[in-house]
Amino acid sequence: MNPALDGLALDDFRISVVMPVFSETGTVCTIVEWLRANLGPRLFEVIIVISPRSSQASKDVCQGLARTDSSIHILEQQENPGVGRAFREGYARVKGNVVLSMDSDGEMELETIPRMIAEMARSNVGLVVGSRWLPGGGFVGYSPNKRWLNWGFQQLFRVLFRTRVHDLTYGFKLMRAELVRNIVWEATLHEIGCETTLKLIRLGVPVAEVPTTWKARVEGRSSNNFLRNFRYVGMALSILLRGDSNFFFEAQSETTEPERKRDQLQPAGQVTPPNFLRTKRRSVS
């Protein structure tokens, strides 16, 4: 057992789902219904972060879901554009002990989620990544050019961060909430997918992977164009070249409210890491 993280039994999981929405309608309903049906009492809350540029139909659908279930919370994104900013605003409000990050466009394989939960409980890691590059995972309807570029990013980042984790850029993941609450998140766009993995690896947090399949969306269009993919490199180099003490919030107050606007805080210079990381770190497998 990693001494930096307390054990978490399956019955103790209280999962906060953070899901940005940009004009999706049908897929949002499908995802929420699936989460309710398959996670049961482990589903603590669903935080839907709506872009102010979303269609009125999308906003109406999300508000309708919230009216029927008090565990569904709707946030209208305060800073836009940017899916990274949306995740950050959602992370600042989680109240569960585990955070599931996912998109609302139907590209992520929902059946992977129970395997993520089981793996986190079994191996007591701080992060479980849905991996498209593990045997059993893959891509359906993915651009060949983007697939080769993605593969290249994975190989580069694996070397730079000295890790055997296969998928370092995908945003589909399960994280321990104490990590999410205490680490400064800085991404504004899709590079949040690599930031939330690479910062944890840089900190020595144990990471596990389960295979998953990416499928082309059935609703809406992606805002992540080809050139924006290179933002992943900038984020990775920024994480690699800084001391890990810059990743934490300066204030570690027990009275801090979950609703604080963390995206307004800046990384501190040299601060003391939170209690759960004040142990000797081990390498990530």
Protein backbone atom coordinates (compact mmCIF):
# COMPACT_ATOMS: atom_id res chain seq x y z
CA MET A 1 0.00 0.00 0.00
CA ASN A 2 1.22 3.46 -0.86
CA PRO A 3 1.68 5.27 2.47
CA ALA A 4 0.66 8.59 0.89
CA LEU A 5 -2.94 7.49 0.24
CA ASP A 6 -5.38 5.93 2.67
CA GLY A 7 -7.17 2.82 1.45
CA LEU A 8 -10.61 3.26 -0.08
CA ALA A 9 -12.98 0.29 -0.15
CA LEU A 10 -15.58 -0.01 -2.89
CA ASP A 11 -18.40 0.74 -0.46
CA ASP A 12 -16.67 3.97 0.55
CA PHE A 13 -16.56 5.49 -2.94
CA ARG A 14 -18.45 8.79 -3.24
CA ILE A 15 -17.94 9.73 -6.87
CA SER A 16 -18.18 13.31 -8.11
CA VAL A 17 -18.58 13.36 -11.89
CA VAL A 18 -17.31 16.53 -13.59
CA MET A 19 -18.64 16.91 -17.13
CA PRO A 20 -18.40 20.02 -19.33
CA VAL A 21 -21.22 20.56 -21.82
CA PHE A 22 -21.13 22.53 -25.07
CA SER A 23 -24.51 22.31 -26.83
CA GLU A 24 -24.87 18.53 -26.36
CA THR A 25 -28.40 17.33 -25.54
CA GLY A 26 -29.18 13.66 -26.15
CA THR A 27 -25.76 12.38 -25.12
CA VAL A 28 -25.97 14.26 -21.81
CA CYS A 29 -29.23 12.49 -20.95
CA THR A 30 -27.82 9.12 -22.01
CA ILE A 31 -24.71 9.55 -19.86
CA VAL A 32 -26.59 10.71 -16.76
CA GLU A 33 -29.11 7.87 -17.05
CA TRP A 34 -26.28 5.36 -17.42
CA LEU A 35 -24.43 6.74 -14.39
CA ARG A 36 -27.56 6.52 -12.25
CA ALA A 37 -28.32 2.98 -13.36
CA ASN A 38 -24.80 1.56 -13.09
CA LEU A 39 -23.06 3.39 -10.25
CA GLY A 40 -25.91 3.30 -7.77
CA PRO A 41 -25.04 4.62 -4.29
CA ARG A 42 -21.43 5.25 -5.32
CA LEU A 43 -22.63 8.15 -7.49
CA PHE A 44 -22.44 11.10 -5.11
CA GLU A 45 -22.99 13.99 -7.53
CA VAL A 46 -22.85 15.03 -11.17
CA ILE A 47 -21.41 18.50 -11.81
CA ILE A 48 -22.39 19.71 -15.27
CA VAL A 49 -20.42 22.76 -16.38
CA ILE A 50 -22.27 24.48 -19.21
CA SER A 51 -20.50 26.77 -21.63
CA PRO A 52 -22.22 30.17 -21.91
CA ARG A 53 -22.03 29.62 -25.66
CA SER A 54 -24.14 26.47 -25.44
CA SER A 55 -27.46 26.33 -27.25
CA GLN A 56 -30.60 27.09 -25.28
CA ALA A 57 -31.77 23.54 -25.99
CA SER A 58 -28.68 22.17 -24.27
CA LYS A 59 -29.14 24.46 -21.26
CA ASP A 60 -32.80 23.44 -20.99
CA VAL A 61 -31.91 19.74 -21.05
CA CYS A 62 -29.31 20.16 -18.30
CA GLN A 63 -31.63 22.25 -16.13
CA GLY A 64 -34.33 19.65 -16.60
CA LEU A 65 -32.03 16.90 -15.35
CA ALA A 66 -31.14 18.98 -12.29
CA ARG A 67 -34.81 19.55 -11.44
CA THR A 68 -35.40 15.80 -11.23
CA ASP A 69 -32.31 14.93 -9.16
CA SER A 70 -30.79 16.99 -6.34
CA SER A 71 -27.40 15.32 -6.86
CA ILE A 72 -27.07 16.99 -10.28
CA HIS A 73 -25.54 20.45 -10.07
CA ILE A 74 -25.46 22.92 -12.96
CA LEU A 75 -22.68 25.50 -13.24
CA GLU A 76 -22.58 28.09 -16.00
CA GLN A 77 -18.95 28.47 -16.94
CA GLN A 78 -17.59 31.82 -15.76
CA GLU A 79 -14.61 31.94 -18.12
CA ASN A 80 -14.91 30.98 -21.74
CA PRO A 81 -13.83 29.56 -24.08
CA GLY A 82 -12.05 26.50 -22.87
CA VAL A 83 -12.86 22.97 -21.74
CA GLY A 84 -9.84 23.17 -19.43
CA ARG A 85 -11.37 26.13 -17.63
CA ALA A 86 -14.68 24.26 -17.42
CA PHE A 87 -13.04 21.28 -15.72
CA ARG A 88 -11.20 23.59 -13.32
CA GLU A 89 -14.42 25.28 -12.27
CA GLY A 90 -16.00 21.88 -11.75
CA TYR A 91 -13.03 20.54 -9.77
CA ALA A 92 -13.27 23.50 -7.38
CA ARG A 93 -16.73 22.36 -6.34
CA VAL A 94 -16.41 18.60 -5.88
CA LYS A 95 -17.57 17.24 -2.53
CA GLY A 96 -17.05 13.51 -3.06
CA ASN A 97 -13.86 11.55 -2.35
CA VAL A 98 -13.27 10.41 -5.94
CA VAL A 99 -13.55 12.50 -9.12
CA LEU A 100 -14.54 11.10 -12.51
CA SER A 101 -13.54 13.39 -15.40
CA MET A 102 -15.40 12.82 -18.63
CA ASP A 103 -16.82 14.55 -21.69
CA SER A 104 -20.49 14.83 -22.62
CA ASP A 105 -20.17 14.12 -26.34
CA GLY A 106 -20.50 10.33 -26.23
CA GLU A 107 -16.90 9.62 -27.30
CA MET A 108 -15.94 7.94 -24.02
CA GLU A 109 -16.82 4.31 -23.34
CA LEU A 110 -19.12 4.26 -20.31
CA GLU A 111 -18.56 0.56 -19.69
CA THR A 112 -14.97 1.41 -18.73
CA ILE A 113 -16.09 3.28 -15.61
CA PRO A 114 -16.82 0.23 -13.38
CA ARG A 115 -13.41 -1.18 -14.31
CA MET A 116 -11.77 2.12 -13.31
CA ILE A 117 -13.53 2.01 -9.95
CA ALA A 118 -12.59 -1.61 -9.33
CA GLU A 119 -8.96 -0.93 -10.25
CA MET A 120 -8.69 2.06 -7.92
CA ALA A 121 -10.11 0.04 -5.03
CA ARG A 122 -7.89 -2.95 -5.80
CA SER A 123 -4.56 -1.21 -6.29
CA ASN A 124 -5.06 1.87 -4.05
CA VAL A 125 -3.74 4.34 -6.62
CA GLY A 126 -4.38 8.06 -6.86
CA LEU A 127 -5.27 7.99 -10.56
CA VAL A 128 -6.81 5.47 -12.94
CA VAL A 129 -6.55 6.40 -16.62
CA GLY A 130 -8.74 5.10 -19.39
CA SER A 131 -6.11 3.98 -21.90
CA ARG A 132 -6.75 3.79 -25.63
CA TRP A 133 -3.30 2.30 -26.21
CA LEU A 134 -3.53 -0.74 -23.96
CA PRO A 135 -4.50 -4.11 -25.49
CA GLY A 136 -8.28 -4.18 -25.48
CA GLY A 137 -8.54 -0.43 -26.07
CA GLY A 138 -8.48 1.53 -29.29
CA PHE A 139 -10.06 4.10 -31.59
CA VAL A 140 -13.18 3.99 -33.75
CA GLY A 141 -13.61 6.74 -36.33
CA TYR A 142 -10.40 8.57 -35.38
CA SER A 143 -8.49 10.56 -38.00
CA PRO A 144 -5.36 8.64 -39.11
CA ASN A 145 -3.27 11.82 -38.90
CA LYS A 146 -4.46 12.53 -35.36
CA ARG A 147 -3.84 8.92 -34.38
CA TRP A 148 -0.21 9.08 -35.51
CA LEU A 149 0.22 12.42 -33.76
CA ASN A 150 -1.31 11.00 -30.59
CA TRP A 151 1.01 8.00 -30.73
CA GLY A 152 3.99 10.33 -31.12
CA PHE A 153 2.95 12.40 -28.11
CA GLN A 154 2.62 9.25 -26.01
CA GLN A 155 6.12 8.05 -26.90
CA LEU A 156 7.67 11.47 -26.29
CA PHE A 157 5.97 11.99 -22.93
CA ARG A 158 6.75 8.45 -21.75
CA VAL A 159 10.44 9.10 -22.31
CA LEU A 160 10.41 12.58 -20.78
CA PHE A 161 8.50 11.50 -17.67
CA ARG A 162 10.14 8.07 -17.38
CA THR A 163 6.83 6.29 -17.06
CA ARG A 164 5.30 3.11 -18.43
CA VAL A 165 1.80 4.62 -18.51
CA HIS A 166 0.54 4.22 -22.08
CA ASP A 167 -2.06 6.99 -22.45
CA LEU A 168 -0.85 10.29 -21.02
CA THR A 169 -3.19 12.70 -22.84
CA TYR A 170 -6.70 11.27 -22.53
CA GLY A 171 -9.15 13.16 -20.30
CA PHE A 172 -11.16 10.09 -19.25
CA LYS A 173 -9.94 9.27 -15.75
CA LEU A 174 -10.73 8.64 -12.10
CA MET A 175 -8.79 10.66 -9.48
CA ARG A 176 -8.70 10.82 -5.71
CA ALA A 177 -10.45 14.03 -4.68
CA GLU A 178 -7.74 15.15 -2.24
CA LEU A 179 -5.39 15.42 -5.21
CA VAL A 180 -7.89 17.36 -7.29
CA ARG A 181 -8.56 19.83 -4.48
CA ASN A 182 -4.95 20.59 -3.59
CA ILE A 183 -3.23 20.83 -6.97
CA VAL A 184 -3.20 23.99 -9.08
CA TRP A 185 -4.75 23.29 -12.48
CA GLU A 186 -3.71 25.69 -15.23
CA ALA A 187 -4.92 24.35 -18.59
CA THR A 188 -7.47 26.37 -20.53
CA LEU A 189 -8.22 23.98 -23.41
CA HIS A 190 -7.93 20.25 -24.08
CA GLU A 191 -4.42 20.04 -22.63
CA ILE A 192 -6.20 19.55 -19.29
CA GLY A 193 -6.18 15.88 -20.35
CA CYS A 194 -2.41 15.60 -20.09
CA GLU A 195 -2.06 18.04 -17.18
CA THR A 196 -4.22 15.92 -14.89
CA THR A 197 -2.06 12.88 -15.60
CA LEU A 198 1.44 14.33 -15.94
CA LYS A 199 1.31 16.45 -12.79
CA LEU A 200 0.37 13.40 -10.74
CA ILE A 201 3.15 11.36 -12.30
CA ARG A 202 5.59 14.20 -11.63
CA LEU A 203 4.51 14.14 -7.97
CA GLY A 204 5.09 10.39 -7.69
CA VAL A 205 1.41 9.52 -7.30
CA PRO A 206 0.78 5.86 -8.21
CA VAL A 207 -1.13 5.47 -11.47
CA ALA A 208 -3.03 2.54 -13.00
CA GLU A 209 -4.62 2.06 -16.42
CA VAL A 210 -7.56 0.15 -17.82
CA PRO A 211 -8.23 -0.29 -21.55
CA THR A 212 -10.96 1.79 -23.17
CA THR A 213 -12.15 2.56 -26.69
CA TRP A 214 -12.62 6.07 -28.06
CA LYS A 215 -15.56 6.38 -30.46
CA ALA A 216 -16.30 9.33 -32.73
CA ARG A 217 -19.00 11.58 -31.34
CA VAL A 218 -22.56 11.22 -32.51
CA GLU A 219 -23.59 14.77 -31.60
CA GLY A 220 -22.00 18.19 -32.10
CA ARG A 221 -18.49 18.87 -33.34
CA SER A 222 -15.13 18.94 -31.63
CA SER A 223 -13.52 22.30 -30.86
CA ASN A 224 -10.08 20.67 -30.63
CA ASN A 225 -8.56 21.38 -34.04
CA PHE A 226 -5.33 19.82 -35.30
CA LEU A 227 -2.97 22.66 -34.34
CA ARG A 228 -4.34 22.86 -30.82
CA ASN A 229 -2.99 19.38 -30.18
CA PHE A 230 0.49 20.90 -29.89
CA ARG A 231 -0.61 22.66 -26.70
CA TYR A 232 -0.06 19.27 -25.06
CA VAL A 233 3.68 19.64 -25.66
CA GLY A 234 3.79 23.07 -24.06
CA MET A 235 1.92 21.82 -21.01
CA ALA A 236 4.15 18.75 -20.68
CA LEU A 237 7.35 20.81 -20.85
CA SER A 238 5.99 23.30 -18.32
CA ILE A 239 5.27 20.49 -15.85
CA LEU A 240 8.61 18.82 -16.46
CA LEU A 241 10.76 21.93 -16.01
CA ARG A 242 9.21 23.26 -12.80
CA GLY A 243 9.70 22.09 -9.24
CA ASP A 244 6.74 20.10 -8.00
CA SER A 245 6.19 22.47 -5.06
CA ASN A 246 4.78 24.90 -7.63
CA PHE A 247 1.85 22.56 -8.20
CA PHE A 248 0.13 23.16 -4.86
CA PHE A 249 -2.14 25.86 -3.54
CA GLU A 250 -0.37 28.11 -1.07
CA ALA A 251 -3.29 28.07 1.35
CA GLN A 252 -3.96 24.73 3.06
CA SER A 253 -6.73 25.82 5.43
CA GLU A 254 -9.10 23.33 7.01
CA THR A 255 -11.86 25.93 6.79
CA THR A 256 -11.51 26.52 3.06
CA GLU A 257 -14.85 26.12 1.29
CA PRO A 258 -15.06 23.73 -1.71
CA GLU A 259 -16.70 26.53 -3.66
CA ARG A 260 -13.62 28.80 -3.60
CA LYS A 261 -12.54 30.07 -7.00
CA ARG A 262 -9.35 28.10 -7.36
CA ASP A 263 -8.76 29.19 -10.91
CA GLN A 264 -8.00 32.66 -9.54
CA LEU A 265 -5.14 31.37 -7.37
CA GLN A 266 -1.61 31.23 -8.70
CA PRO A 267 1.01 28.55 -7.99
CA ALA A 268 3.13 29.37 -4.95
CA GLY A 269 6.91 29.54 -5.06
CA GLN A 270 8.07 27.05 -2.41
CA VAL A 271 5.22 25.64 -0.36
CA THR A 272 4.72 22.62 1.85
CA PRO A 273 2.90 19.80 0.03
CA PRO A 274 -0.40 18.58 1.49
CA ASN A 275 -0.23 15.91 4.18
CA PHE A 276 -1.06 13.04 1.84
CA LEU A 277 2.10 13.70 -0.20
CA ARG A 278 4.54 14.35 2.65
CA THR A 279 5.99 10.88 2.44
CA LYS A 280 8.79 9.42 0.42
CA ARG A 281 7.59 9.15 -3.13
CA ARG A 282 8.04 6.07 -5.22
CA SER A 283 8.30 5.69 -8.96
CA VAL A 284 5.14 5.32 -10.99
CA SER A 285 4.64 2.09 -12.86
